[in-house]
Every structure is written in C-alpha cells, then in structure tokens.
Amino acid sequence: MVQNPSRNYHVFYYLLEGANEAERAKYFLLKPQDYHYLNQNEQFSPEGVNEKYEFDRLRRAMSSVGFNANTQSTMFSLISAVLLMGNISYISRHAYHSDENAYIENEEVVDLVAQLLNIRTEALMQALTMKRHVMKAETVITRFSVSEAINTRDAMAKCLYNALFHWIVLRINQALMRKDVSGSIGYYIGEDLEQLSKFESRLERSQAPGYGHLYNFS
C-alpha cells in the first residue's frame, strides 16, 4: 500500500515551526524530523505554508472561544509532552528472575516530559518501566519487557492526546452554546480530530491488547 505523502497533525507543526524562541525553550520543542511520532513522514513543511502565520491564527482562534494564555500554555505543554514521549527509548538488561528487563535509555527525555506534565520524574519512570501484581495479600512489582514498555509508552501518549482533544471539543461546544464565535477554531480542531483516529490507530497497531496496567501503578 502506498502511503499518502501529505503530512498529518497540522497543529503539531504549527507549534513546532511557529513558536518563538522563548516558547521553544519553555516547551522543549525540537524540529519535526526529530520526533519519532512525526518522522515516519518525510513531508515536514509543505511549500507555501507559513507555519508562524498559521500558529498565530490558531492562537487568535483559541482566544476567541475563551482559551486564555494560561490554558493555551497548558495545551502546548501537553502537546509537547506527547511528542517527546515517543522519543523515550529502552534498553534490555538481564536478571536472574527474568530474561528481559526494560530500562530507560535516555532518562533526560523522561525528565523533560515530567516537567511538561508537572509530575515527578521518578513516578513517570516507574509508570514507564514497572507493573504491579497483587497476589493474595502481597503486592509484587516487576519490570516490563522492552516490548511491554514501548506499548505502555505509546498507550500513555494516546491517552494524553485523546483526553486533550476531547476536552478541547467540550470547551468549544460550551463556547458555541454561549455566543457566536469565529469559525477559525473549527477548521483547526476539525482537521486534527480527523487525524486523532489515525494517530490512535497507529499507536494501537504496535500495542498489546489492554491498557489495564496503566492504571494499577500509584
């Protein structure tokens, strides 16, 4: 099957290419080709697209439906966290009780994601590498295999992305019920919600069935 050469997730590119230097530092932004979730597609910046103009237009549209500066900053932090999460890589180490134990190879990326999500780095690292089993009255914590850890990483990214966009849709619907607002935001969100299902499907193709282990670690 021939892959469609057009790029996906336009809002991602507007942020990555349109943010100013202060925003790039604040959200730890890289170039599109440096993200695992984006570099599967070779078309990063289509000819004739002014990413900064589109990013400024997106922010004006967000403001028109009541997304203040703090809310927008939180949204951009989440988007950056999702993209960076895909760059977390693992190595395998052997132990006497297991043939394969997953350890994070680039812990500095986990630290950046944790900062963006405003959570403890240690807690995120545990959630990305360990699972909890309850056996009778005893709780046993073991490490994921590398494949299980990758599945967990991708499932977390999917959950964050999914929750963010469904929250955005809810907020837009509330704004539409209160007053007439610009249709600009509908263009961006409608466009990326169409990509949401593609993003989810792509992650699901690499995941083992079930995400229950994500919610068992406290």
N, C-alpha and C. Protein backbone atom coordinates (compact mmCIF):
# COMPACT_ATOMS: atom_id res chain seq x y z
N MET A 1 0.85 -1.20 0.00
CA MET A 1 0.00 0.00 0.00
C MET A 1 0.88 1.24 0.00
N VAL A 2 0.58 2.19 -0.84
CA VAL A 2 1.35 3.42 -0.94
C VAL A 2 0.84 4.41 0.09
N GLN A 3 1.75 4.96 0.88
CA GLN A 3 1.37 5.90 1.93
C GLN A 3 1.09 7.26 1.34
N ASN A 4 0.04 7.90 1.81
CA ASN A 4 -0.28 9.25 1.39
C ASN A 4 0.84 10.18 1.83
N PRO A 5 1.45 10.94 0.87
CA PRO A 5 2.61 11.76 1.22
C PRO A 5 2.26 13.00 2.03
N SER A 6 0.98 13.37 2.11
CA SER A 6 0.61 14.57 2.85
C SER A 6 0.83 14.35 4.33
N ARG A 7 1.24 15.41 5.01
CA ARG A 7 1.56 15.27 6.42
C ARG A 7 0.30 15.26 7.26
N ASN A 8 0.43 14.75 8.49
CA ASN A 8 -0.68 14.69 9.43
C ASN A 8 -0.42 15.61 10.62
N TYR A 9 -1.46 15.81 11.44
CA TYR A 9 -1.33 16.53 12.71
C TYR A 9 -0.80 17.95 12.51
N HIS A 10 -1.52 18.75 11.74
CA HIS A 10 -1.04 20.08 11.36
C HIS A 10 -0.76 20.97 12.55
N VAL A 11 -1.58 20.87 13.60
CA VAL A 11 -1.37 21.73 14.77
C VAL A 11 0.00 21.45 15.39
N PHE A 12 0.46 20.19 15.35
CA PHE A 12 1.79 19.89 15.85
C PHE A 12 2.83 20.75 15.14
N TYR A 13 2.75 20.81 13.82
CA TYR A 13 3.73 21.54 13.03
C TYR A 13 3.61 23.04 13.23
N TYR A 14 2.40 23.54 13.39
CA TYR A 14 2.23 24.97 13.65
C TYR A 14 2.95 25.35 14.93
N LEU A 15 2.85 24.52 15.96
CA LEU A 15 3.54 24.79 17.22
C LEU A 15 5.05 24.67 17.04
N LEU A 16 5.50 23.59 16.42
CA LEU A 16 6.93 23.33 16.31
C LEU A 16 7.66 24.35 15.46
N GLU A 17 7.01 24.80 14.39
CA GLU A 17 7.66 25.73 13.47
C GLU A 17 7.26 27.18 13.72
N GLY A 18 6.13 27.40 14.39
CA GLY A 18 5.64 28.76 14.57
C GLY A 18 5.96 29.39 15.90
N ALA A 19 6.38 28.60 16.88
CA ALA A 19 6.67 29.14 18.20
C ALA A 19 7.92 30.02 18.16
N ASN A 20 7.93 31.06 19.01
CA ASN A 20 9.11 31.92 19.08
C ASN A 20 10.18 31.25 19.94
N GLU A 21 11.32 31.90 20.07
CA GLU A 21 12.45 31.28 20.78
C GLU A 21 12.12 31.02 22.25
N ALA A 22 11.43 31.96 22.89
CA ALA A 22 11.07 31.77 24.30
C ALA A 22 10.14 30.58 24.46
N GLU A 23 9.19 30.43 23.55
CA GLU A 23 8.25 29.30 23.61
C GLU A 23 8.96 27.99 23.31
N ARG A 24 9.91 28.02 22.38
CA ARG A 24 10.66 26.80 22.06
C ARG A 24 11.42 26.30 23.29
N ALA A 25 11.98 27.24 24.04
CA ALA A 25 12.69 26.86 25.26
C ALA A 25 11.72 26.39 26.34
N LYS A 26 10.60 27.06 26.47
CA LYS A 26 9.63 26.74 27.51
C LYS A 26 9.04 25.35 27.33
N TYR A 27 8.74 24.98 26.07
CA TYR A 27 8.09 23.70 25.80
C TYR A 27 9.07 22.63 25.30
N PHE A 28 10.37 22.92 25.34
CA PHE A 28 11.40 21.96 24.93
C PHE A 28 11.15 21.45 23.50
N LEU A 29 10.88 22.36 22.59
CA LEU A 29 10.50 21.97 21.24
C LEU A 29 11.70 21.62 20.38
N LEU A 30 11.53 20.61 19.55
CA LEU A 30 12.53 20.17 18.59
C LEU A 30 12.01 20.43 17.18
N LYS A 31 12.78 20.07 16.19
CA LYS A 31 12.31 20.10 14.81
C LYS A 31 11.42 18.88 14.55
N PRO A 32 10.45 19.00 13.65
CA PRO A 32 9.54 17.87 13.40
C PRO A 32 10.26 16.56 13.10
N GLN A 33 11.35 16.64 12.35
CA GLN A 33 12.06 15.41 11.98
C GLN A 33 12.76 14.74 13.15
N ASP A 34 12.83 15.42 14.29
CA ASP A 34 13.48 14.85 15.47
C ASP A 34 12.53 14.09 16.38
N TYR A 35 11.25 14.00 16.00
CA TYR A 35 10.27 13.29 16.81
C TYR A 35 9.94 11.94 16.17
N HIS A 36 9.98 10.90 16.97
CA HIS A 36 9.65 9.55 16.47
C HIS A 36 8.23 9.49 15.91
N TYR A 37 7.29 10.15 16.56
CA TYR A 37 5.90 10.08 16.12
C TYR A 37 5.65 10.85 14.83
N LEU A 38 6.58 11.70 14.42
CA LEU A 38 6.37 12.51 13.21
C LEU A 38 7.32 12.15 12.08
N ASN A 39 8.47 11.59 12.39
CA ASN A 39 9.47 11.44 11.33
C ASN A 39 9.26 10.22 10.44
N GLN A 40 8.09 9.56 10.58
CA GLN A 40 7.76 8.48 9.66
C GLN A 40 7.29 9.04 8.32
N ASN A 41 7.00 10.33 8.32
CA ASN A 41 6.53 11.02 7.12
C ASN A 41 7.58 12.03 6.71
N GLU A 42 8.04 11.98 5.47
CA GLU A 42 9.14 12.83 5.04
C GLU A 42 8.69 14.26 4.72
N GLN A 43 7.40 14.50 4.64
CA GLN A 43 6.93 15.84 4.30
C GLN A 43 6.67 16.62 5.59
N PHE A 44 7.62 17.48 5.96
CA PHE A 44 7.52 18.21 7.22
C PHE A 44 6.95 19.62 7.03
N SER A 45 7.38 20.32 6.00
CA SER A 45 6.92 21.69 5.80
C SER A 45 6.55 21.89 4.34
N PRO A 46 5.28 21.70 4.00
CA PRO A 46 4.86 21.83 2.61
C PRO A 46 5.14 23.22 2.07
N GLU A 47 5.46 23.27 0.80
CA GLU A 47 5.75 24.55 0.15
C GLU A 47 4.53 25.47 0.21
N GLY A 48 4.78 26.71 0.57
CA GLY A 48 3.70 27.70 0.58
C GLY A 48 2.97 27.82 1.90
N VAL A 49 3.33 27.00 2.90
CA VAL A 49 2.68 27.08 4.21
C VAL A 49 3.53 27.92 5.15
N ASN A 50 2.94 29.01 5.65
CA ASN A 50 3.62 29.87 6.63
C ASN A 50 3.22 29.39 8.02
N GLU A 51 4.06 28.58 8.63
CA GLU A 51 3.72 27.95 9.90
C GLU A 51 3.50 28.98 11.02
N LYS A 52 4.32 30.03 11.03
CA LYS A 52 4.18 31.03 12.09
C LYS A 52 2.85 31.77 11.95
N TYR A 53 2.49 32.10 10.71
CA TYR A 53 1.20 32.76 10.48
C TYR A 53 0.07 31.86 10.94
N GLU A 54 0.14 30.56 10.61
CA GLU A 54 -0.92 29.63 11.00
C GLU A 54 -0.97 29.45 12.51
N PHE A 55 0.21 29.45 13.15
CA PHE A 55 0.24 29.31 14.61
C PHE A 55 -0.38 30.54 15.28
N ASP A 56 -0.06 31.73 14.78
CA ASP A 56 -0.66 32.96 15.34
C ASP A 56 -2.16 32.96 15.10
N ARG A 57 -2.58 32.49 13.95
CA ARG A 57 -4.01 32.42 13.63
C ARG A 57 -4.71 31.42 14.56
N LEU A 58 -4.05 30.32 14.83
CA LEU A 58 -4.61 29.32 15.74
C LEU A 58 -4.80 29.91 17.14
N ARG A 59 -3.80 30.63 17.61
CA ARG A 59 -3.90 31.22 18.95
C ARG A 59 -5.02 32.26 19.02
N ARG A 60 -5.19 33.04 17.96
CA ARG A 60 -6.30 34.01 17.95
C ARG A 60 -7.64 33.28 17.98
N ALA A 61 -7.72 32.17 17.25
CA ALA A 61 -8.97 31.39 17.25
C ALA A 61 -9.24 30.81 18.63
N MET A 62 -8.19 30.33 19.29
CA MET A 62 -8.35 29.81 20.65
C MET A 62 -8.85 30.89 21.59
N SER A 63 -8.28 32.07 21.48
CA SER A 63 -8.71 33.18 22.34
C SER A 63 -10.16 33.52 22.11
N SER A 64 -10.61 33.37 20.87
CA SER A 64 -11.99 33.75 20.54
C SER A 64 -13.01 32.83 21.19
N VAL A 65 -12.60 31.63 21.59
CA VAL A 65 -13.52 30.73 22.27
C VAL A 65 -13.21 30.61 23.77
N GLY A 66 -12.40 31.55 24.27
CA GLY A 66 -12.21 31.62 25.71
C GLY A 66 -11.00 30.92 26.27
N PHE A 67 -10.08 30.47 25.43
CA PHE A 67 -8.86 29.85 25.93
C PHE A 67 -7.86 30.95 26.26
N ASN A 68 -7.67 31.24 27.55
CA ASN A 68 -6.75 32.31 27.92
C ASN A 68 -5.29 31.84 27.78
N ALA A 69 -4.36 32.74 28.09
CA ALA A 69 -2.94 32.43 27.88
C ALA A 69 -2.48 31.24 28.71
N ASN A 70 -2.95 31.14 29.94
CA ASN A 70 -2.55 30.01 30.79
C ASN A 70 -3.07 28.69 30.26
N THR A 71 -4.32 28.69 29.79
CA THR A 71 -4.90 27.47 29.22
C THR A 71 -4.15 27.05 27.97
N GLN A 72 -3.86 28.01 27.11
CA GLN A 72 -3.11 27.70 25.89
C GLN A 72 -1.73 27.14 26.22
N SER A 73 -1.09 27.72 27.24
CA SER A 73 0.23 27.23 27.64
C SER A 73 0.15 25.78 28.11
N THR A 74 -0.88 25.45 28.87
CA THR A 74 -1.07 24.07 29.33
C THR A 74 -1.29 23.13 28.15
N MET A 75 -2.07 23.56 27.18
CA MET A 75 -2.33 22.74 26.00
C MET A 75 -1.05 22.48 25.21
N PHE A 76 -0.24 23.53 25.02
CA PHE A 76 1.00 23.36 24.27
C PHE A 76 1.99 22.49 25.04
N SER A 77 1.98 22.59 26.36
CA SER A 77 2.84 21.72 27.17
C SER A 77 2.44 20.26 26.98
N LEU A 78 1.14 19.99 26.96
CA LEU A 78 0.66 18.61 26.77
C LEU A 78 1.03 18.08 25.39
N ILE A 79 0.87 18.93 24.36
CA ILE A 79 1.21 18.50 23.00
C ILE A 79 2.70 18.17 22.93
N SER A 80 3.54 19.02 23.51
CA SER A 80 4.97 18.76 23.52
C SER A 80 5.30 17.49 24.28
N ALA A 81 4.62 17.26 25.40
CA ALA A 81 4.85 16.05 26.19
C ALA A 81 4.51 14.80 25.39
N VAL A 82 3.40 14.83 24.67
CA VAL A 82 3.00 13.69 23.84
C VAL A 82 4.07 13.39 22.80
N LEU A 83 4.55 14.43 22.12
CA LEU A 83 5.55 14.22 21.08
C LEU A 83 6.87 13.71 21.66
N LEU A 84 7.30 14.30 22.77
CA LEU A 84 8.55 13.86 23.39
C LEU A 84 8.45 12.44 23.95
N MET A 85 7.27 12.05 24.39
CA MET A 85 7.10 10.71 24.94
C MET A 85 7.48 9.65 23.92
N GLY A 86 7.20 9.91 22.66
CA GLY A 86 7.58 8.96 21.62
C GLY A 86 9.07 8.80 21.45
N ASN A 87 9.85 9.75 21.98
CA ASN A 87 11.31 9.68 21.85
C ASN A 87 11.96 8.92 22.99
N ILE A 88 11.17 8.50 23.99
CA ILE A 88 11.73 7.71 25.09
C ILE A 88 12.12 6.34 24.55
N SER A 89 13.35 5.95 24.76
CA SER A 89 13.84 4.67 24.26
C SER A 89 14.27 3.77 25.42
N TYR A 90 14.34 2.48 25.13
CA TYR A 90 14.60 1.49 26.17
C TYR A 90 15.77 0.59 25.80
N ILE A 91 16.39 0.06 26.83
CA ILE A 91 17.40 -0.98 26.66
C ILE A 91 17.00 -2.17 27.52
N SER A 92 17.49 -3.33 27.17
CA SER A 92 17.15 -4.55 27.89
C SER A 92 18.33 -5.00 28.74
N ARG A 93 18.02 -5.37 29.99
CA ARG A 93 19.04 -5.92 30.88
C ARG A 93 18.53 -7.23 31.46
N HIS A 94 19.41 -8.18 31.55
CA HIS A 94 19.03 -9.50 32.07
C HIS A 94 19.12 -9.52 33.59
N ALA A 95 18.25 -10.32 34.18
CA ALA A 95 18.27 -10.53 35.63
C ALA A 95 18.01 -12.00 35.91
N TYR A 96 18.30 -12.44 37.12
CA TYR A 96 18.21 -13.87 37.42
C TYR A 96 16.78 -14.38 37.33
N HIS A 97 15.79 -13.50 37.53
CA HIS A 97 14.40 -13.95 37.52
C HIS A 97 13.69 -13.61 36.21
N SER A 98 14.42 -12.99 35.26
CA SER A 98 13.78 -12.58 34.02
C SER A 98 14.83 -12.50 32.91
N ASP A 99 14.41 -12.89 31.71
CA ASP A 99 15.33 -12.83 30.57
C ASP A 99 15.45 -11.42 30.01
N GLU A 100 14.47 -10.58 30.29
CA GLU A 100 14.49 -9.24 29.70
C GLU A 100 13.81 -8.25 30.64
N ASN A 101 14.57 -7.24 31.07
CA ASN A 101 14.02 -6.17 31.89
C ASN A 101 14.25 -4.85 31.18
N ALA A 102 13.20 -4.04 31.11
CA ALA A 102 13.28 -2.77 30.39
C ALA A 102 13.80 -1.66 31.30
N TYR A 103 14.81 -0.95 30.81
CA TYR A 103 15.33 0.25 31.47
C TYR A 103 15.32 1.39 30.45
N ILE A 104 15.06 2.58 30.94
CA ILE A 104 15.02 3.74 30.05
C ILE A 104 16.44 4.13 29.66
N GLU A 105 16.66 4.29 28.38
CA GLU A 105 18.00 4.59 27.87
C GLU A 105 18.31 6.08 27.96
N ASN A 106 17.31 6.93 27.75
CA ASN A 106 17.52 8.38 27.74
C ASN A 106 16.65 9.04 28.82
N GLU A 107 17.09 8.95 30.04
CA GLU A 107 16.30 9.44 31.17
C GLU A 107 16.08 10.95 31.10
N GLU A 108 16.96 11.66 30.39
CA GLU A 108 16.78 13.11 30.27
C GLU A 108 15.49 13.47 29.54
N VAL A 109 15.04 12.61 28.64
CA VAL A 109 13.78 12.87 27.92
C VAL A 109 12.61 12.68 28.88
N VAL A 110 12.68 11.67 29.72
CA VAL A 110 11.63 11.45 30.73
C VAL A 110 11.52 12.66 31.64
N ASP A 111 12.66 13.24 32.01
CA ASP A 111 12.65 14.42 32.87
C ASP A 111 11.95 15.59 32.19
N LEU A 112 12.17 15.78 30.90
CA LEU A 112 11.50 16.86 30.16
C LEU A 112 10.00 16.63 30.12
N VAL A 113 9.59 15.40 29.84
CA VAL A 113 8.16 15.08 29.80
C VAL A 113 7.52 15.32 31.16
N ALA A 114 8.21 14.92 32.21
CA ALA A 114 7.68 15.11 33.56
C ALA A 114 7.51 16.59 33.88
N GLN A 115 8.47 17.40 33.46
CA GLN A 115 8.36 18.85 33.68
C GLN A 115 7.15 19.41 32.95
N LEU A 116 6.95 18.98 31.73
CA LEU A 116 5.81 19.47 30.94
C LEU A 116 4.48 19.06 31.55
N LEU A 117 4.44 17.87 32.14
CA LEU A 117 3.21 17.37 32.76
C LEU A 117 3.07 17.77 34.22
N ASN A 118 4.12 18.40 34.75
CA ASN A 118 4.13 18.84 36.15
C ASN A 118 3.95 17.67 37.11
N ILE A 119 4.71 16.60 36.86
CA ILE A 119 4.70 15.43 37.74
C ILE A 119 6.14 15.06 38.09
N ARG A 120 6.31 14.18 39.06
CA ARG A 120 7.64 13.77 39.47
C ARG A 120 8.27 12.84 38.43
N THR A 121 9.53 13.10 38.13
CA THR A 121 10.24 12.27 37.15
C THR A 121 10.28 10.81 37.60
N GLU A 122 10.52 10.59 38.88
CA GLU A 122 10.62 9.22 39.39
C GLU A 122 9.31 8.45 39.21
N ALA A 123 8.20 9.13 39.44
CA ALA A 123 6.89 8.48 39.28
C ALA A 123 6.64 8.12 37.82
N LEU A 124 7.01 9.02 36.91
CA LEU A 124 6.82 8.73 35.49
C LEU A 124 7.72 7.59 35.04
N MET A 125 8.95 7.57 35.51
CA MET A 125 9.86 6.49 35.15
C MET A 125 9.34 5.14 35.63
N GLN A 126 8.79 5.11 36.83
CA GLN A 126 8.20 3.86 37.33
C GLN A 126 7.03 3.41 36.47
N ALA A 127 6.16 4.36 36.12
CA ALA A 127 5.00 4.01 35.31
C ALA A 127 5.40 3.52 33.92
N LEU A 128 6.55 3.97 33.43
CA LEU A 128 7.02 3.59 32.11
C LEU A 128 7.83 2.30 32.08
N THR A 129 8.18 1.78 33.24
CA THR A 129 9.06 0.60 33.27
C THR A 129 8.57 -0.53 34.17
N MET A 130 7.59 -0.25 35.04
CA MET A 130 7.21 -1.25 36.03
C MET A 130 5.72 -1.51 36.06
N LYS A 131 5.37 -2.72 36.49
CA LYS A 131 3.97 -3.09 36.63
C LYS A 131 3.76 -3.72 38.00
N ARG A 132 2.56 -3.59 38.48
CA ARG A 132 2.23 -4.08 39.84
C ARG A 132 1.30 -5.28 39.73
N HIS A 133 1.62 -6.33 40.45
CA HIS A 133 0.77 -7.51 40.54
C HIS A 133 0.31 -7.67 41.99
N VAL A 134 -0.95 -7.91 42.19
CA VAL A 134 -1.48 -8.16 43.53
C VAL A 134 -1.74 -9.65 43.64
N MET A 135 -1.01 -10.30 44.51
CA MET A 135 -1.14 -11.74 44.72
C MET A 135 -1.56 -11.99 46.17
N LYS A 136 -2.80 -12.36 46.31
CA LYS A 136 -3.38 -12.55 47.66
C LYS A 136 -3.21 -11.24 48.43
N ALA A 137 -2.47 -11.26 49.51
CA ALA A 137 -2.32 -10.05 50.32
C ALA A 137 -1.01 -9.32 50.01
N GLU A 138 -0.30 -9.80 49.00
CA GLU A 138 1.03 -9.25 48.72
C GLU A 138 1.03 -8.56 47.36
N THR A 139 1.71 -7.43 47.31
CA THR A 139 1.88 -6.70 46.06
C THR A 139 3.29 -6.88 45.55
N VAL A 140 3.41 -7.33 44.32
CA VAL A 140 4.72 -7.57 43.71
C VAL A 140 4.90 -6.62 42.52
N ILE A 141 6.03 -5.94 42.50
CA ILE A 141 6.34 -5.02 41.41
C ILE A 141 7.45 -5.61 40.57
N THR A 142 7.21 -5.73 39.26
CA THR A 142 8.21 -6.26 38.34
C THR A 142 8.39 -5.29 37.18
N ARG A 143 9.46 -5.50 36.44
CA ARG A 143 9.72 -4.63 35.30
C ARG A 143 9.06 -5.18 34.03
N PHE A 144 8.68 -4.24 33.17
CA PHE A 144 8.20 -4.61 31.85
C PHE A 144 9.33 -5.20 31.03
N SER A 145 8.98 -5.99 30.04
CA SER A 145 9.92 -6.29 28.96
C SER A 145 10.00 -5.04 28.09
N VAL A 146 10.95 -4.98 27.18
CA VAL A 146 11.09 -3.80 26.32
C VAL A 146 9.84 -3.59 25.48
N SER A 147 9.29 -4.67 24.92
CA SER A 147 8.09 -4.53 24.10
C SER A 147 6.90 -4.04 24.93
N GLU A 148 6.77 -4.54 26.15
CA GLU A 148 5.69 -4.08 27.04
C GLU A 148 5.88 -2.61 27.40
N ALA A 149 7.12 -2.20 27.62
CA ALA A 149 7.40 -0.80 27.97
C ALA A 149 7.08 0.13 26.81
N ILE A 150 7.41 -0.27 25.61
CA ILE A 150 7.09 0.55 24.44
C ILE A 150 5.58 0.67 24.28
N ASN A 151 4.87 -0.44 24.47
CA ASN A 151 3.41 -0.40 24.40
C ASN A 151 2.83 0.55 25.43
N THR A 152 3.40 0.51 26.64
CA THR A 152 2.93 1.39 27.71
C THR A 152 3.19 2.85 27.38
N ARG A 153 4.38 3.13 26.91
CA ARG A 153 4.72 4.50 26.49
C ARG A 153 3.73 5.03 25.46
N ASP A 154 3.46 4.23 24.44
CA ASP A 154 2.55 4.66 23.38
C ASP A 154 1.11 4.80 23.87
N ALA A 155 0.72 3.90 24.78
CA ALA A 155 -0.63 3.99 25.34
C ALA A 155 -0.80 5.27 26.15
N MET A 156 0.23 5.65 26.90
CA MET A 156 0.18 6.89 27.66
C MET A 156 0.05 8.10 26.73
N ALA A 157 0.85 8.09 25.67
CA ALA A 157 0.78 9.19 24.71
C ALA A 157 -0.60 9.29 24.09
N LYS A 158 -1.17 8.14 23.74
CA LYS A 158 -2.52 8.12 23.17
C LYS A 158 -3.53 8.68 24.15
N CYS A 159 -3.45 8.26 25.41
CA CYS A 159 -4.41 8.73 26.41
C CYS A 159 -4.33 10.24 26.59
N LEU A 160 -3.12 10.78 26.65
CA LEU A 160 -2.95 12.23 26.80
C LEU A 160 -3.53 12.98 25.60
N TYR A 161 -3.18 12.51 24.42
CA TYR A 161 -3.64 13.16 23.19
C TYR A 161 -5.17 13.09 23.08
N ASN A 162 -5.70 11.92 23.37
CA ASN A 162 -7.15 11.71 23.30
C ASN A 162 -7.87 12.62 24.28
N ALA A 163 -7.40 12.64 25.52
CA ALA A 163 -8.05 13.45 26.56
C ALA A 163 -7.99 14.93 26.22
N LEU A 164 -6.85 15.39 25.72
CA LEU A 164 -6.70 16.80 25.38
C LEU A 164 -7.69 17.23 24.31
N PHE A 165 -7.79 16.46 23.24
CA PHE A 165 -8.66 16.88 22.15
C PHE A 165 -10.14 16.74 22.48
N HIS A 166 -10.49 15.75 23.26
CA HIS A 166 -11.89 15.67 23.68
C HIS A 166 -12.25 16.80 24.63
N TRP A 167 -11.29 17.22 25.46
CA TRP A 167 -11.52 18.37 26.33
C TRP A 167 -11.68 19.65 25.50
N ILE A 168 -10.86 19.80 24.46
CA ILE A 168 -10.97 20.97 23.59
C ILE A 168 -12.34 21.02 22.93
N VAL A 169 -12.80 19.90 22.42
CA VAL A 169 -14.12 19.85 21.79
C VAL A 169 -15.21 20.24 22.77
N LEU A 170 -15.11 19.75 24.01
CA LEU A 170 -16.10 20.09 25.03
C LEU A 170 -16.11 21.60 25.28
N ARG A 171 -14.92 22.19 25.39
CA ARG A 171 -14.84 23.62 25.65
C ARG A 171 -15.41 24.43 24.47
N ILE A 172 -15.15 23.97 23.26
CA ILE A 172 -15.67 24.68 22.08
C ILE A 172 -17.19 24.59 22.05
N ASN A 173 -17.72 23.42 22.33
CA ASN A 173 -19.18 23.26 22.35
C ASN A 173 -19.82 24.17 23.39
N GLN A 174 -19.18 24.29 24.55
CA GLN A 174 -19.69 25.18 25.58
C GLN A 174 -19.66 26.63 25.11
N ALA A 175 -18.59 27.01 24.42
CA ALA A 175 -18.48 28.37 23.92
C ALA A 175 -19.54 28.65 22.85
N LEU A 176 -19.79 27.68 22.00
CA LEU A 176 -20.79 27.85 20.94
C LEU A 176 -22.18 28.00 21.52
N MET A 177 -22.43 27.36 22.65
CA MET A 177 -23.75 27.48 23.28
C MET A 177 -23.94 28.86 23.92
N ARG A 178 -22.83 29.51 24.29
CA ARG A 178 -22.93 30.81 24.95
C ARG A 178 -23.03 31.96 23.96
N LYS A 179 -22.31 31.86 22.84
CA LYS A 179 -22.28 33.00 21.91
C LYS A 179 -21.81 32.52 20.55
N ASP A 180 -21.97 33.40 19.58
CA ASP A 180 -21.43 33.14 18.25
C ASP A 180 -19.93 33.41 18.28
N VAL A 181 -19.14 32.47 17.79
CA VAL A 181 -17.69 32.64 17.79
C VAL A 181 -17.17 32.39 16.39
N SER A 182 -15.92 32.77 16.20
CA SER A 182 -15.29 32.61 14.90
C SER A 182 -15.24 31.14 14.51
N GLY A 183 -15.39 30.88 13.21
CA GLY A 183 -15.30 29.51 12.72
C GLY A 183 -13.88 29.03 12.55
N SER A 184 -12.88 29.90 12.81
CA SER A 184 -11.49 29.53 12.56
C SER A 184 -11.08 28.33 13.40
N ILE A 185 -11.46 28.32 14.66
CA ILE A 185 -11.04 27.22 15.53
C ILE A 185 -11.62 25.91 15.05
N GLY A 186 -12.80 25.95 14.47
CA GLY A 186 -13.41 24.74 13.95
C GLY A 186 -12.59 24.11 12.85
N TYR A 187 -11.96 24.96 12.03
CA TYR A 187 -11.11 24.45 10.96
C TYR A 187 -9.95 23.65 11.54
N TYR A 188 -9.26 24.24 12.54
CA TYR A 188 -8.09 23.57 13.11
C TYR A 188 -8.48 22.31 13.86
N ILE A 189 -9.48 22.43 14.74
CA ILE A 189 -9.83 21.29 15.57
C ILE A 189 -10.47 20.19 14.74
N GLY A 190 -11.36 20.57 13.82
CA GLY A 190 -11.97 19.57 12.96
C GLY A 190 -10.93 18.82 12.16
N GLU A 191 -9.94 19.55 11.66
CA GLU A 191 -8.87 18.95 10.88
C GLU A 191 -8.08 17.96 11.71
N ASP A 192 -7.74 18.36 12.95
CA ASP A 192 -6.92 17.48 13.77
C ASP A 192 -7.71 16.38 14.45
N LEU A 193 -9.01 16.59 14.67
CA LEU A 193 -9.81 15.48 15.21
C LEU A 193 -9.90 14.36 14.19
N GLU A 194 -9.91 14.73 12.92
CA GLU A 194 -9.89 13.69 11.89
C GLU A 194 -8.59 12.90 11.98
N GLN A 195 -7.50 13.59 12.32
CA GLN A 195 -6.22 12.91 12.45
C GLN A 195 -6.13 12.12 13.75
N LEU A 196 -6.95 12.48 14.74
CA LEU A 196 -6.91 11.78 16.04
C LEU A 196 -7.12 10.29 15.87
N SER A 197 -8.10 9.91 15.08
CA SER A 197 -8.37 8.49 14.90
C SER A 197 -7.20 7.79 14.21
N LYS A 198 -6.52 8.51 13.30
CA LYS A 198 -5.37 7.94 12.63
C LYS A 198 -4.22 7.77 13.61
N PHE A 199 -4.04 8.76 14.47
CA PHE A 199 -2.98 8.70 15.47
C PHE A 199 -3.23 7.54 16.42
N GLU A 200 -4.47 7.40 16.87
CA GLU A 200 -4.82 6.30 17.77
C GLU A 200 -4.58 4.95 17.09
N SER A 201 -5.02 4.84 15.84
CA SER A 201 -4.88 3.57 15.13
C SER A 201 -3.42 3.20 14.97
N ARG A 202 -2.60 4.21 14.69
CA ARG A 202 -1.18 3.96 14.51
C ARG A 202 -0.55 3.43 15.80
N LEU A 203 -0.92 4.02 16.93
CA LEU A 203 -0.39 3.54 18.20
C LEU A 203 -0.92 2.16 18.54
N GLU A 204 -2.21 1.94 18.26
CA GLU A 204 -2.82 0.67 18.61
C GLU A 204 -2.19 -0.49 17.84
N ARG A 205 -1.70 -0.22 16.63
CA ARG A 205 -1.11 -1.29 15.84
C ARG A 205 0.14 -1.87 16.50
N SER A 206 0.78 -1.06 17.35
CA SER A 206 2.01 -1.53 17.99
C SER A 206 1.80 -1.97 19.43
N GLN A 207 0.54 -2.00 19.89
CA GLN A 207 0.29 -2.28 21.30
C GLN A 207 -0.29 -3.66 21.52
N ALA A 208 0.06 -4.24 22.66
CA ALA A 208 -0.56 -5.49 23.07
C ALA A 208 -1.97 -5.17 23.55
N PRO A 209 -2.89 -6.12 23.52
CA PRO A 209 -4.27 -5.85 23.96
C PRO A 209 -4.32 -5.41 25.41
N GLY A 210 -5.13 -4.41 25.66
CA GLY A 210 -5.43 -3.99 27.03
C GLY A 210 -4.48 -2.96 27.58
N TYR A 211 -5.02 -2.02 28.33
CA TYR A 211 -4.20 -0.98 28.93
C TYR A 211 -4.37 -0.97 30.44
N GLY A 212 -4.87 -2.04 31.01
CA GLY A 212 -5.19 -2.05 32.43
C GLY A 212 -4.00 -1.75 33.31
N HIS A 213 -2.79 -2.17 32.89
CA HIS A 213 -1.63 -1.97 33.73
C HIS A 213 -1.30 -0.49 33.91
N LEU A 214 -1.80 0.38 33.02
CA LEU A 214 -1.52 1.80 33.14
C LEU A 214 -2.11 2.40 34.41
N TYR A 215 -3.17 1.83 34.88
CA TYR A 215 -3.91 2.44 35.98
C TYR A 215 -3.71 1.71 37.30
N ASN A 216 -2.77 0.78 37.32
CA ASN A 216 -2.55 -0.01 38.53
C ASN A 216 -1.32 0.45 39.30
N PHE A 217 -0.65 1.49 38.82
CA PHE A 217 0.56 1.95 39.49
C PHE A 217 0.27 3.26 40.18
N SER A 218 0.49 3.30 41.47
CA SER A 218 0.23 4.52 42.24
C SER A 218 1.53 5.08 42.79
